[in-house]
Amino acid sequence: MAKAKTNYNCTKCGGIANKWTGQCPSCGQWNTLVETIIEGIGSRVFNQRQGIAQTAPVMTLADIEAIDVPRFGTGIEEFDRVLGGGLVAGGVVLIGGDPGIGKSTLLLQALANLSKIKKVLYVSGEESGAQIALRAKRLAVDAQDLKLQAEIQLEKIFNTLVEHRPEVAVIDSIQTVYSDALSSVPGSVAQVRECAAQLMRVAKQSGITVIMVGHVTKEGALAGPRVLEHIVDTVLYFEGDTHSSFRLVRAFKNRFGAVNELGVFAMTEKGLKGVSNPSALFLSQHDNQVPGSCVMVTQEGTRPLLVEIQALVDASHVPNARRLSVGLEQNRLAMLLAVLHRHAGIAAFDQDVFINAVGGVKIAEPATDLAVLLAINSSMRNRPLPRGLVVFGEVGLAGEIRPAPRGQERLREAAKLGFSIAMIPRSNAPKQDIEGLKIIPVERIDDALTKIRDVE
């Protein structure tokens, strides 16, 4: 019997190597090459590659009419917000997150709502029908019209799609689905790539909205080849601690809407419930002002959120002082401490500095810089910041305070929640006064620290 020919596929970029090496020759990642069997191009089901649409004539872009893509809601407002307004016919959505964080729960609730107005299908490869029925009973959702299939073979799933012709189909999860056309095991690079590509082709040709659940690695990235994220239309990630009652769903890619939209949910006995005022989750409740605490306004997509930044500065008892940040970029913390020393004369080389964003939210935008520095200065002086203060602004290496986008929306959100003082970059200063909000414009970090002491 002839030995099967094998090669090595990279789980990050999908690159192919003839022999195993520690580093992928395509993307440079380490320990990502996995041995797979070389498959024939032909198969019993997909004997010919088909395009996602019929051959179309070449057209000038100016002659093509731009039409807004119609959407339909899932009945869950926060989920629709992350999707950019709702689902799109023929769209392919990929949802990833840690085990037990609520992916299947959210999709079961959404399908139960959609089943009242559309034909839906839930394909489960990880749970039996009895387990899903038990979850639906526990969540008290109306799932009388929800069609369910417990299947992992791709060809049988296709037959079901052709027979029932659903408008929305959920595949839970893509790592469990396999095709007879390939001999590799479910979850391998070849299986995930091929099954996802074929499901995407069917979605585009038939107009079925396909939602795929994806596993994540221990680093938090979606498992499987990177091409999985490239071929889908929308990529959503669940964030937050599984031990917390709050869940965050963030859009990292959306061909039909804005990216970086954030949906906030609370995990209850009846499933995931949308949070109408998420800013309250990220603000600690202090009876009195405490040192090292500063509230900033961050922009998540189209939504401004108020988040409390906490800092703790303590004398270091080791030669190398520690720098630790939770929810914020750690490398940026070291840069901000250098700016604080050079342009404000405040040294922290012999101090341990710890930064935390309350509520488990992850903030990537640089508009948190000013809040971080004010919180660090407050902790070092052991003096609380003024009550009702909210700040935002990026700090440059020259000590200047740079403007943040959508400053007016941030200020209106702060005023709506009762904040009375706003320290912001001078370029973001509003032309008209905002009722109940005192504006303190600043240009440099030393100017900001001086004005804070004057307000105290």
Protein backbone atom coordinates (compact mmCIF):
# COMPACT_ATOMS: atom_id res chain seq x y z
CA MET A 1 0.00 0.00 0.00
CA ALA A 2 1.46 3.33 -1.08
CA LYS A 3 2.24 5.77 1.66
CA ALA A 4 -0.01 8.82 1.70
CA LYS A 5 1.72 11.99 0.67
CA THR A 6 1.76 14.71 3.30
CA ASN A 7 2.75 18.34 3.65
CA TYR A 8 2.68 20.88 6.45
CA ASN A 9 0.12 23.68 6.67
CA CYS A 10 0.47 26.78 8.83
CA THR A 11 -2.45 27.30 11.22
CA LYS A 12 -1.93 31.08 11.14
CA CYS A 13 -1.60 31.98 7.48
CA GLY A 14 -2.44 28.73 5.67
CA GLY A 15 1.00 28.54 4.06
CA ILE A 16 2.34 25.19 2.85
CA ALA A 17 5.76 23.68 3.50
CA ASN A 18 7.20 20.40 2.20
CA LYS A 19 8.84 19.54 5.52
CA TRP A 20 8.37 20.51 9.14
CA THR A 21 10.33 23.47 10.44
CA GLY A 22 9.99 25.33 13.69
CA GLN A 23 9.15 28.59 11.91
CA CYS A 24 6.60 29.05 9.13
CA PRO A 25 8.43 30.20 5.98
CA SER A 26 5.43 32.31 4.89
CA CYS A 27 4.47 34.35 7.95
CA GLY A 28 7.38 33.73 10.34
CA GLN A 29 5.24 32.37 13.22
CA TRP A 30 6.76 29.66 15.40
CA ASN A 31 5.35 26.16 16.00
CA THR A 32 2.35 26.64 13.70
CA LEU A 33 3.04 23.94 11.05
CA VAL A 34 0.69 20.93 11.21
CA GLU A 35 1.06 17.79 9.12
CA THR A 36 -1.83 17.16 6.71
CA ILE A 37 -2.46 14.64 3.94
CA ILE A 38 -2.33 15.99 0.40
CA GLU A 39 -5.84 15.76 -1.00
CA GLY A 40 -6.88 15.27 -4.59
CA ILE A 41 -8.64 18.16 -6.26
CA GLY A 42 -11.59 16.02 -7.30
CA SER A 43 -14.14 14.60 -4.85
CA ARG A 44 -17.47 12.84 -4.86
CA VAL A 45 -19.33 16.03 -3.99
CA PHE A 46 -17.18 18.94 -5.15
CA ASN A 47 -15.78 17.48 -8.35
CA GLN A 48 -15.48 20.94 -9.86
CA ARG A 49 -14.78 24.28 -8.25
CA GLN A 50 -17.69 26.61 -8.68
CA GLY A 51 -17.68 30.36 -8.31
CA ILE A 52 -19.94 32.18 -5.89
CA ALA A 53 -21.90 33.74 -8.76
CA GLN A 54 -22.49 33.40 -12.48
CA THR A 55 -19.93 34.98 -14.81
CA ALA A 56 -20.74 38.69 -15.13
CA PRO A 57 -19.64 41.14 -17.83
CA VAL A 58 -16.98 43.73 -17.11
CA MET A 59 -18.59 47.03 -16.08
CA THR A 60 -17.43 50.53 -15.22
CA LEU A 61 -17.72 51.27 -11.52
CA ALA A 62 -19.54 54.55 -12.23
CA ASP A 63 -22.29 52.60 -14.07
CA ILE A 64 -23.02 50.36 -11.09
CA GLU A 65 -25.86 51.60 -8.89
CA ALA A 66 -24.96 51.74 -5.19
CA ILE A 67 -27.85 50.24 -3.24
CA ASP A 68 -28.01 49.93 0.52
CA VAL A 69 -28.04 46.32 1.64
CA PRO A 70 -31.39 45.46 3.30
CA ARG A 71 -31.10 44.12 6.83
CA PHE A 72 -33.34 42.25 9.22
CA GLY A 73 -33.08 42.42 13.00
CA THR A 74 -32.52 39.50 15.35
CA GLY A 75 -34.77 40.86 18.09
CA ILE A 76 -31.73 41.55 20.31
CA GLU A 77 -30.86 45.24 20.09
CA GLU A 78 -27.25 44.95 21.29
CA PHE A 79 -26.57 42.09 18.86
CA ASP A 80 -28.01 44.11 15.98
CA ARG A 81 -25.80 47.06 16.96
CA VAL A 82 -22.64 44.95 16.66
CA LEU A 83 -23.80 43.54 13.32
CA GLY A 84 -24.21 47.08 11.98
CA GLY A 85 -28.02 47.12 12.14
CA GLY A 86 -28.90 43.47 11.63
CA LEU A 87 -28.20 40.44 9.48
CA VAL A 88 -27.82 40.55 5.70
CA ALA A 89 -29.19 37.96 3.29
CA GLY A 90 -26.28 35.89 1.98
CA GLY A 91 -23.91 37.22 4.63
CA VAL A 92 -21.48 34.97 6.51
CA VAL A 93 -20.84 35.80 10.19
CA LEU A 94 -18.11 34.23 12.34
CA ILE A 95 -18.42 34.41 16.14
CA GLY A 96 -15.53 33.45 18.43
CA GLY A 97 -15.00 33.43 22.16
CA ASP A 98 -13.83 31.41 25.15
CA PRO A 99 -15.70 28.22 26.07
CA GLY A 100 -18.81 28.88 28.13
CA ILE A 101 -18.88 32.62 27.51
CA GLY A 102 -22.32 32.57 25.86
CA LYS A 103 -21.94 32.09 22.09
CA SER A 104 -24.48 29.28 21.76
CA THR A 105 -26.83 30.96 24.23
CA LEU A 106 -26.89 34.21 22.27
CA LEU A 107 -27.44 32.45 18.94
CA LEU A 108 -30.22 30.28 20.35
CA GLN A 109 -32.01 33.38 21.61
CA ALA A 110 -31.54 35.15 18.26
CA LEU A 111 -32.79 32.16 16.25
CA ALA A 112 -35.80 31.78 18.53
CA ASN A 113 -36.75 35.39 17.78
CA LEU A 114 -36.10 35.02 14.05
CA SER A 115 -38.08 31.76 13.83
CA LYS A 116 -41.30 33.74 14.28
CA ILE A 117 -40.81 35.63 11.02
CA LYS A 118 -38.28 33.57 9.02
CA LYS A 119 -37.27 29.98 8.35
CA VAL A 120 -34.23 29.16 10.46
CA LEU A 121 -32.00 26.12 11.02
CA TYR A 122 -29.69 25.36 13.93
CA VAL A 123 -26.97 22.83 13.06
CA SER A 124 -25.21 21.57 16.19
CA GLY A 125 -22.02 19.56 16.01
CA GLU A 126 -21.14 19.73 19.70
CA GLU A 127 -24.44 19.15 21.51
CA SER A 128 -27.29 16.72 21.04
CA GLY A 129 -30.84 17.82 20.33
CA ALA A 130 -31.84 16.97 23.90
CA GLN A 131 -29.13 19.23 25.32
CA ILE A 132 -30.22 22.16 23.17
CA ALA A 133 -33.87 21.55 24.05
CA LEU A 134 -32.93 21.59 27.73
CA ARG A 135 -31.12 24.91 27.27
CA ALA A 136 -34.09 26.40 25.43
CA LYS A 137 -36.36 25.31 28.29
CA ARG A 138 -33.99 26.84 30.84
CA LEU A 139 -33.86 30.11 28.91
CA ALA A 140 -37.66 30.07 28.46
CA VAL A 141 -37.41 30.93 24.75
CA ASP A 142 -40.22 30.26 22.29
CA ALA A 143 -38.56 27.75 19.94
CA GLN A 144 -41.62 26.00 18.49
CA ASP A 145 -40.71 26.90 14.88
CA LEU A 146 -36.93 26.48 15.27
CA LYS A 147 -35.57 23.64 13.11
CA LEU A 148 -32.66 21.69 14.61
CA GLN A 149 -30.17 19.21 13.19
CA ALA A 150 -27.37 17.51 15.11
CA GLU A 151 -24.90 16.77 12.32
CA ILE A 152 -21.21 17.28 11.53
CA GLN A 153 -20.92 15.92 7.98
CA LEU A 154 -20.85 18.75 5.45
CA GLU A 155 -22.61 16.83 2.67
CA LYS A 156 -25.59 15.99 4.90
CA ILE A 157 -25.78 19.61 6.05
CA PHE A 158 -25.92 20.70 2.40
CA ASN A 159 -28.76 18.27 1.72
CA THR A 160 -30.68 19.74 4.65
CA LEU A 161 -30.11 23.28 3.38
CA VAL A 162 -31.37 22.29 -0.08
CA GLU A 163 -34.39 20.48 1.32
CA HIS A 164 -35.58 23.01 3.93
CA ARG A 165 -34.19 26.20 2.32
CA PRO A 166 -33.80 28.21 5.55
CA GLU A 167 -33.19 31.94 5.46
CA VAL A 168 -30.80 31.84 8.45
CA ALA A 169 -28.56 28.90 9.39
CA VAL A 170 -26.25 28.56 12.39
CA ILE A 171 -23.28 26.17 12.29
CA ASP A 172 -22.12 25.40 15.84
CA SER A 173 -19.23 24.99 15.37
CA ILE A 174 -17.17 25.10 12.18
CA GLN A 175 -14.33 23.14 13.84
CA THR A 176 -16.59 20.08 14.24
CA VAL A 177 -17.75 19.95 10.61
CA TYR A 178 -15.93 17.65 8.20
CA SER A 179 -16.24 16.74 4.53
CA ASP A 180 -15.91 13.25 3.02
CA ALA A 181 -13.92 14.86 0.23
CA LEU A 182 -11.00 15.20 2.68
CA SER A 183 -9.45 12.44 4.77
CA SER A 184 -8.07 14.68 7.52
CA VAL A 185 -9.77 14.86 10.90
CA PRO A 186 -12.39 17.51 11.84
CA GLY A 187 -10.79 20.71 13.07
CA SER A 188 -7.67 20.36 10.94
CA VAL A 189 -6.50 23.21 8.77
CA ALA A 190 -7.67 21.56 5.56
CA GLN A 191 -11.13 20.66 6.91
CA VAL A 192 -11.84 24.07 8.45
CA ARG A 193 -10.67 25.91 5.34
CA GLU A 194 -12.61 23.72 2.89
CA CYS A 195 -15.85 23.52 4.93
CA ALA A 196 -15.90 27.27 5.55
CA ALA A 197 -15.25 28.01 1.87
CA GLN A 198 -18.07 25.70 0.72
CA LEU A 199 -20.52 27.13 3.26
CA MET A 200 -19.60 30.62 2.10
CA ARG A 201 -20.21 29.62 -1.53
CA VAL A 202 -23.64 28.20 -0.70
CA ALA A 203 -24.56 31.32 1.28
CA LYS A 204 -23.69 33.65 -1.61
CA GLN A 205 -25.43 31.53 -4.24
CA SER A 206 -28.64 30.82 -2.31
CA GLY A 207 -28.93 33.98 -0.19
CA ILE A 208 -28.86 32.05 3.10
CA THR A 209 -27.43 33.96 6.04
CA VAL A 210 -24.85 31.66 7.64
CA ILE A 211 -23.58 32.22 11.20
CA MET A 212 -20.58 30.09 12.14
CA VAL A 213 -19.25 29.60 15.67
CA GLY A 214 -15.46 29.35 15.86
CA HIS A 215 -13.24 27.97 18.60
CA VAL A 216 -10.43 30.10 20.00
CA THR A 217 -6.89 29.20 20.99
CA LYS A 218 -5.43 29.70 24.45
CA GLU A 219 -4.10 33.07 23.24
CA GLY A 220 -7.68 34.14 22.43
CA ALA A 221 -7.38 34.13 18.62
CA LEU A 222 -9.72 32.17 16.38
CA ALA A 223 -8.49 28.62 15.88
CA GLY A 224 -7.74 27.36 12.38
CA PRO A 225 -6.20 29.08 9.37
CA ARG A 226 -6.20 32.85 9.12
CA VAL A 227 -8.08 32.53 5.84
CA LEU A 228 -11.17 31.70 7.92
CA GLU A 229 -11.42 35.35 8.98
CA HIS A 230 -10.65 36.61 5.48
CA ILE A 231 -13.45 34.80 3.65
CA VAL A 232 -16.31 35.69 6.00
CA ASP A 233 -18.15 39.02 5.92
CA THR A 234 -18.29 39.73 9.66
CA VAL A 235 -16.06 38.65 12.55
CA LEU A 236 -17.35 39.02 16.12
CA TYR A 237 -15.48 38.30 19.34
CA PHE A 238 -16.84 37.71 22.82
CA GLU A 239 -14.84 39.53 25.49
CA GLY A 240 -15.02 39.62 29.25
CA ASP A 241 -14.35 37.26 32.12
CA THR A 242 -16.39 34.04 32.15
CA HIS A 243 -16.67 34.44 35.93
CA SER A 244 -18.31 37.85 35.52
CA SER A 245 -21.99 38.35 34.73
CA PHE A 246 -21.23 40.79 31.91
CA ARG A 247 -20.27 39.95 28.33
CA LEU A 248 -18.92 42.22 25.61
CA VAL A 249 -19.33 41.42 21.90
CA ARG A 250 -17.06 43.40 19.57
CA ALA A 251 -17.00 43.53 15.76
CA PHE A 252 -13.46 43.29 14.34
CA LYS A 253 -14.53 43.03 10.72
CA ASN A 254 -17.77 43.97 9.00
CA ARG A 255 -18.18 44.36 5.26
CA PHE A 256 -21.72 45.69 5.76
CA GLY A 257 -21.16 48.12 8.63
CA ALA A 258 -18.75 49.87 10.96
CA VAL A 259 -16.09 47.92 12.83
CA ASN A 260 -15.25 48.21 16.53
CA GLU A 261 -18.91 48.38 17.47
CA LEU A 262 -19.48 47.07 20.99
CA GLY A 263 -22.48 45.23 22.39
CA VAL A 264 -22.85 44.85 26.15
CA PHE A 265 -24.81 41.98 27.66
CA ALA A 266 -25.62 40.76 31.15
CA MET A 267 -25.76 37.00 31.72
CA THR A 268 -28.94 36.14 33.62
CA GLU A 269 -30.94 33.01 34.35
CA LYS A 270 -32.96 33.72 31.21
CA GLY A 271 -29.91 34.13 28.96
CA LEU A 272 -28.09 37.21 27.70
CA LYS A 273 -29.88 40.52 28.14
CA GLY A 274 -28.76 43.75 26.50
CA VAL A 275 -27.54 46.54 28.79
CA SER A 276 -29.08 49.90 27.87
CA ASN A 277 -26.63 52.02 29.89
CA PRO A 278 -23.26 50.25 29.71
CA SER A 279 -21.32 53.22 31.12
CA ALA A 280 -22.66 52.33 34.58
CA LEU A 281 -20.87 48.96 34.39
CA PHE A 282 -17.43 50.50 33.95
CA LEU A 283 -17.67 53.03 36.78
CA SER A 284 -16.88 52.01 40.34
CA GLN A 285 -19.23 53.18 43.04
CA HIS A 286 -17.23 55.12 45.64
CA ASP A 287 -18.89 56.92 48.52
CA ASN A 288 -15.93 59.29 48.56
CA GLN A 289 -13.34 60.16 45.95
CA VAL A 290 -10.28 57.90 46.15
CA PRO A 291 -6.73 58.58 44.92
CA GLY A 292 -5.67 56.96 41.64
CA SER A 293 -9.12 56.95 40.04
CA CYS A 294 -9.95 58.89 36.87
CA VAL A 295 -12.99 58.65 34.58
CA MET A 296 -12.46 58.92 30.82
CA VAL A 297 -14.76 58.81 27.78
CA THR A 298 -13.82 56.24 25.17
CA GLN A 299 -15.43 55.78 21.77
CA GLU A 300 -16.45 52.25 20.84
CA GLY A 301 -17.67 52.45 17.25
CA THR A 302 -20.55 54.90 17.31
CA ARG A 303 -21.10 54.64 21.06
CA PRO A 304 -19.31 56.77 23.67
CA LEU A 305 -18.62 54.92 26.93
CA LEU A 306 -17.46 56.21 30.28
CA VAL A 307 -14.79 53.99 31.81
CA GLU A 308 -12.97 54.38 35.09
CA ILE A 309 -9.18 54.07 34.90
CA GLN A 310 -7.55 53.07 38.19
CA ALA A 311 -3.86 53.44 39.00
CA LEU A 312 -1.84 52.19 41.95
CA VAL A 313 1.71 53.43 42.45
CA ASP A 314 3.76 51.81 45.21
CA ALA A 315 7.43 51.71 46.17
CA SER A 316 9.26 48.91 44.37
CA HIS A 317 11.21 46.36 46.42
CA VAL A 318 12.97 44.78 43.44
CA PRO A 319 15.67 46.24 41.16
CA ASN A 320 13.35 46.36 38.14
CA ALA A 321 10.08 48.14 38.95
CA ARG A 322 6.99 46.39 37.64
CA ARG A 323 4.68 47.85 34.99
CA LEU A 324 1.35 46.06 34.73
CA SER A 325 -1.80 47.12 32.89
CA VAL A 326 -5.13 45.28 32.59
CA GLY A 327 -7.39 46.31 29.72
CA LEU A 328 -4.82 48.77 28.32
CA GLU A 329 -1.70 48.36 26.21
CA GLN A 330 1.26 47.62 28.45
CA ASN A 331 3.94 49.01 26.13
CA ARG A 332 2.12 52.33 26.03
CA LEU A 333 2.27 52.54 29.83
CA ALA A 334 6.09 52.56 29.78
CA MET A 335 6.04 55.30 27.15
CA LEU A 336 3.63 57.46 29.17
CA LEU A 337 5.78 57.15 32.30
CA ALA A 338 8.75 58.41 30.30
CA VAL A 339 6.71 61.38 29.04
CA LEU A 340 5.59 62.11 32.61
CA HIS A 341 9.20 62.21 33.77
CA ARG A 342 10.62 64.21 30.86
CA HIS A 343 7.91 66.85 30.47
CA ALA A 344 6.36 67.05 33.95
CA GLY A 345 9.34 66.23 36.17
CA ILE A 346 7.56 63.33 37.91
CA ALA A 347 9.80 60.24 38.14
CA ALA A 348 8.46 56.72 38.75
CA PHE A 349 11.59 54.66 37.99
CA ASP A 350 11.63 53.24 41.55
CA GLN A 351 7.85 52.72 41.76
CA ASP A 352 5.65 49.77 40.79
CA VAL A 353 2.83 51.04 38.57
CA PHE A 354 -0.41 49.11 38.09
CA ILE A 355 -3.19 50.25 35.74
CA ASN A 356 -6.68 48.75 35.46
CA ALA A 357 -9.74 49.49 33.32
CA VAL A 358 -12.78 48.78 35.50
CA GLY A 359 -15.31 46.23 34.31
CA GLY A 360 -13.03 44.06 32.19
CA VAL A 361 -13.31 46.25 29.10
CA LYS A 362 -10.33 46.40 26.72
CA ILE A 363 -9.46 49.86 25.40
CA ALA A 364 -7.19 50.19 22.40
CA GLU A 365 -7.53 53.87 21.48
CA PRO A 366 -4.82 56.34 22.59
CA ALA A 367 -7.38 58.82 24.00
CA THR A 368 -6.89 57.10 27.37
CA ASP A 369 -3.39 58.60 27.77
CA LEU A 370 -4.41 61.69 29.69
CA ALA A 371 -6.63 59.71 32.07
CA VAL A 372 -3.81 57.24 32.77
CA LEU A 373 -1.31 60.00 33.60
CA LEU A 374 -3.77 61.88 35.83
CA ALA A 375 -4.61 58.66 37.68
CA ILE A 376 -0.89 57.88 38.17
CA ASN A 377 -0.20 61.40 39.44
CA SER A 378 -3.19 61.19 41.79
CA SER A 379 -1.96 57.89 43.25
CA MET A 380 1.60 59.17 43.69
CA ARG A 381 0.39 62.30 45.51
CA ASN A 382 -2.26 60.28 47.41
CA ARG A 383 -4.80 62.99 46.58
CA PRO A 384 -8.09 62.23 44.81
CA LEU A 385 -9.05 64.03 41.63
CA PRO A 386 -11.95 66.52 41.75
CA ARG A 387 -15.43 65.01 41.98
CA GLY A 388 -17.32 64.99 38.69
CA LEU A 389 -14.16 65.13 36.53
CA VAL A 390 -14.04 63.38 33.17
CA VAL A 391 -11.07 63.50 30.74
CA PHE A 392 -9.87 62.26 27.39
CA GLY A 393 -6.93 63.01 25.12
CA GLU A 394 -3.86 61.47 23.52
CA VAL A 395 -0.42 62.38 24.90
CA GLY A 396 2.45 62.70 22.42
CA LEU A 397 6.13 62.06 23.06
CA ALA A 398 6.76 65.82 23.10
CA GLY A 399 4.28 66.21 25.97
CA GLU A 400 1.51 67.72 23.85
CA ILE A 401 -2.18 66.76 24.29
CA ARG A 402 -3.58 65.65 20.94
CA PRO A 403 -7.28 65.76 20.05
CA ALA A 404 -9.54 62.71 20.03
CA PRO A 405 -12.17 61.97 17.36
CA ARG A 406 -15.85 62.72 18.04
CA GLY A 407 -15.12 64.96 20.99
CA GLN A 408 -18.60 66.53 21.00
CA GLU A 409 -20.30 63.15 21.38
CA ARG A 410 -18.01 62.26 24.27
CA LEU A 411 -18.79 65.51 26.08
CA ARG A 412 -22.55 65.13 25.60
CA GLU A 413 -22.41 61.61 27.02
CA ALA A 414 -20.48 62.85 30.07
CA ALA A 415 -22.95 65.70 30.65
CA LYS A 416 -25.88 63.30 30.34
CA LEU A 417 -24.46 61.12 33.12
CA GLY A 418 -24.00 64.08 35.47
CA PHE A 419 -20.31 64.94 35.17
CA SER A 420 -19.56 68.62 35.77
CA ILE A 421 -15.87 69.11 34.78
CA ALA A 422 -14.18 68.00 31.56
CA MET A 423 -10.45 68.27 30.92
CA ILE A 424 -9.95 67.84 27.19
CA PRO A 425 -7.48 68.76 24.43
CA ARG A 426 -7.77 72.39 23.33
CA SER A 427 -8.58 71.27 19.78
CA ASN A 428 -11.67 69.44 21.09
CA ALA A 429 -13.04 72.47 22.94
CA PRO A 430 -16.67 73.04 21.83
CA LYS A 431 -17.65 76.34 20.21
CA GLN A 432 -20.81 76.49 22.31
CA ASP A 433 -21.06 75.81 26.02
CA ILE A 434 -22.54 72.49 27.13
CA GLU A 435 -25.08 72.94 29.90
CA GLY A 436 -23.83 71.77 33.28
CA LEU A 437 -20.30 71.01 32.04
CA LYS A 438 -17.23 73.15 32.77
CA ILE A 439 -14.61 72.74 30.06
CA ILE A 440 -10.88 72.89 30.90
CA PRO A 441 -8.86 72.86 27.64
CA VAL A 442 -5.19 71.88 27.90
CA GLU A 443 -2.31 71.75 25.42
CA ARG A 444 0.49 70.03 27.34
CA ILE A 445 0.78 67.47 30.12
CA ASP A 446 2.48 69.88 32.55
CA ASP A 447 -0.34 72.38 31.90
CA ALA A 448 -2.91 69.65 32.68
CA LEU A 449 -1.27 68.74 36.01
CA THR A 450 -1.11 72.41 37.02
CA LYS A 451 -4.77 73.06 36.24
CA ILE A 452 -5.81 69.91 38.13
CA ARG A 453 -4.10 71.20 41.28
CA ASP A 454 -5.87 74.55 40.84
CA VAL A 455 -9.28 72.85 40.59
CA GLU A 456 -8.57 70.78 43.71
